[in-house]
Amino acid sequence: MDSHINLGTKFLNGFLSLMIVVLVLILAAVVVTLLLAVLGIV
C-alpha cells in the first residue's frame, strides 16, 4: 500500500513534519526565555 503514495502526499507529510519540529522549537525557545526573564538573567 505504501507504493501507492504519490509524490505530493510524501511532500506534504514531510512539510507538515518539518512544521511540527519548528513549532516545538519555537515553543521551547519561548519557555526558556520566560524562565530566564523570571530569573532576571534577560
N, C-alpha and C. Protein backbone atom coordinates (compact mmCIF):
# COMPACT_ATOMS: atom_id res chain seq x y z
N MET A 1 0.82 -1.20 0.00
CA MET A 1 0.00 0.00 0.00
C MET A 1 0.87 1.26 0.00
N ASP A 2 2.05 1.17 0.57
CA ASP A 2 2.93 2.33 0.61
C ASP A 2 3.36 2.76 -0.80
N SER A 3 3.36 1.82 -1.75
CA SER A 3 3.79 2.15 -3.10
C SER A 3 2.77 3.04 -3.81
N HIS A 4 1.55 3.15 -3.27
CA HIS A 4 0.51 3.95 -3.91
C HIS A 4 0.52 5.41 -3.44
N ILE A 5 1.42 5.74 -2.49
CA ILE A 5 1.50 7.12 -2.03
C ILE A 5 2.24 7.94 -3.09
N ASN A 6 1.60 9.00 -3.56
CA ASN A 6 2.21 9.78 -4.63
C ASN A 6 3.20 10.81 -4.06
N LEU A 7 3.88 11.49 -4.97
CA LEU A 7 4.93 12.43 -4.57
C LEU A 7 4.35 13.60 -3.78
N GLY A 8 3.17 14.06 -4.16
CA GLY A 8 2.56 15.19 -3.46
C GLY A 8 2.26 14.87 -2.00
N THR A 9 1.79 13.65 -1.76
CA THR A 9 1.49 13.24 -0.39
C THR A 9 2.76 13.14 0.43
N LYS A 10 3.81 12.59 -0.16
CA LYS A 10 5.09 12.50 0.55
C LYS A 10 5.62 13.89 0.87
N PHE A 11 5.51 14.81 -0.09
CA PHE A 11 5.98 16.18 0.13
C PHE A 11 5.18 16.84 1.24
N LEU A 12 3.86 16.64 1.24
CA LEU A 12 3.01 17.24 2.26
C LEU A 12 3.33 16.68 3.64
N ASN A 13 3.53 15.37 3.73
CA ASN A 13 3.88 14.76 5.01
C ASN A 13 5.21 15.29 5.53
N GLY A 14 6.19 15.41 4.64
CA GLY A 14 7.49 15.94 5.05
C GLY A 14 7.39 17.39 5.50
N PHE A 15 6.60 18.17 4.76
CA PHE A 15 6.42 19.57 5.12
C PHE A 15 5.74 19.72 6.48
N LEU A 16 4.71 18.92 6.71
CA LEU A 16 4.00 19.00 7.99
C LEU A 16 4.89 18.55 9.14
N SER A 17 5.69 17.53 8.91
CA SER A 17 6.62 17.08 9.95
C SER A 17 7.63 18.17 10.27
N LEU A 18 8.12 18.84 9.25
CA LEU A 18 9.06 19.94 9.46
C LEU A 18 8.41 21.08 10.24
N MET A 19 7.17 21.40 9.91
CA MET A 19 6.47 22.47 10.62
C MET A 19 6.24 22.11 12.09
N ILE A 20 5.96 20.85 12.37
CA ILE A 20 5.78 20.42 13.76
C ILE A 20 7.09 20.60 14.53
N VAL A 21 8.21 20.24 13.93
CA VAL A 21 9.51 20.40 14.58
C VAL A 21 9.78 21.87 14.83
N VAL A 22 9.51 22.73 13.85
CA VAL A 22 9.73 24.16 14.00
C VAL A 22 8.86 24.73 15.13
N LEU A 23 7.61 24.33 15.17
CA LEU A 23 6.71 24.83 16.22
C LEU A 23 7.16 24.39 17.60
N VAL A 24 7.64 23.15 17.72
CA VAL A 24 8.14 22.67 19.01
C VAL A 24 9.38 23.47 19.44
N LEU A 25 10.26 23.75 18.49
CA LEU A 25 11.46 24.54 18.81
C LEU A 25 11.09 25.95 19.24
N ILE A 26 10.11 26.56 18.57
CA ILE A 26 9.66 27.89 18.95
C ILE A 26 9.07 27.87 20.35
N LEU A 27 8.24 26.88 20.64
CA LEU A 27 7.65 26.76 21.96
C LEU A 27 8.72 26.59 23.03
N ALA A 28 9.72 25.76 22.77
CA ALA A 28 10.81 25.57 23.72
C ALA A 28 11.57 26.87 23.93
N ALA A 29 11.80 27.63 22.86
CA ALA A 29 12.51 28.91 22.99
C ALA A 29 11.72 29.90 23.83
N VAL A 30 10.41 29.92 23.67
CA VAL A 30 9.57 30.82 24.46
C VAL A 30 9.62 30.45 25.93
N VAL A 31 9.54 29.16 26.22
CA VAL A 31 9.59 28.70 27.61
C VAL A 31 10.94 29.06 28.24
N VAL A 32 12.02 28.82 27.53
CA VAL A 32 13.35 29.15 28.06
C VAL A 32 13.47 30.66 28.29
N THR A 33 12.96 31.44 27.36
CA THR A 33 13.03 32.90 27.50
C THR A 33 12.23 33.37 28.72
N LEU A 34 11.05 32.79 28.92
CA LEU A 34 10.25 33.15 30.09
C LEU A 34 10.96 32.77 31.38
N LEU A 35 11.58 31.62 31.41
CA LEU A 35 12.33 31.20 32.61
C LEU A 35 13.49 32.15 32.89
N LEU A 36 14.20 32.53 31.86
CA LEU A 36 15.33 33.46 32.03
C LEU A 36 14.83 34.82 32.49
N ALA A 37 13.67 35.24 31.99
CA ALA A 37 13.11 36.53 32.41
C ALA A 37 12.71 36.49 33.87
N VAL A 38 12.14 35.36 34.30
CA VAL A 38 11.74 35.23 35.71
C VAL A 38 12.97 35.23 36.61
N LEU A 39 14.03 34.61 36.16
CA LEU A 39 15.27 34.56 36.96
C LEU A 39 16.05 35.88 36.90
N GLY A 40 15.65 36.77 36.01
CA GLY A 40 16.30 38.08 35.91
C GLY A 40 17.58 38.08 35.09
N ILE A 41 17.79 37.03 34.32
CA ILE A 41 19.01 36.97 33.50
C ILE A 41 18.86 37.82 32.24
N VAL A 42 17.67 37.80 31.68
CA VAL A 42 17.43 38.56 30.43
C VAL A 42 16.95 39.96 30.82
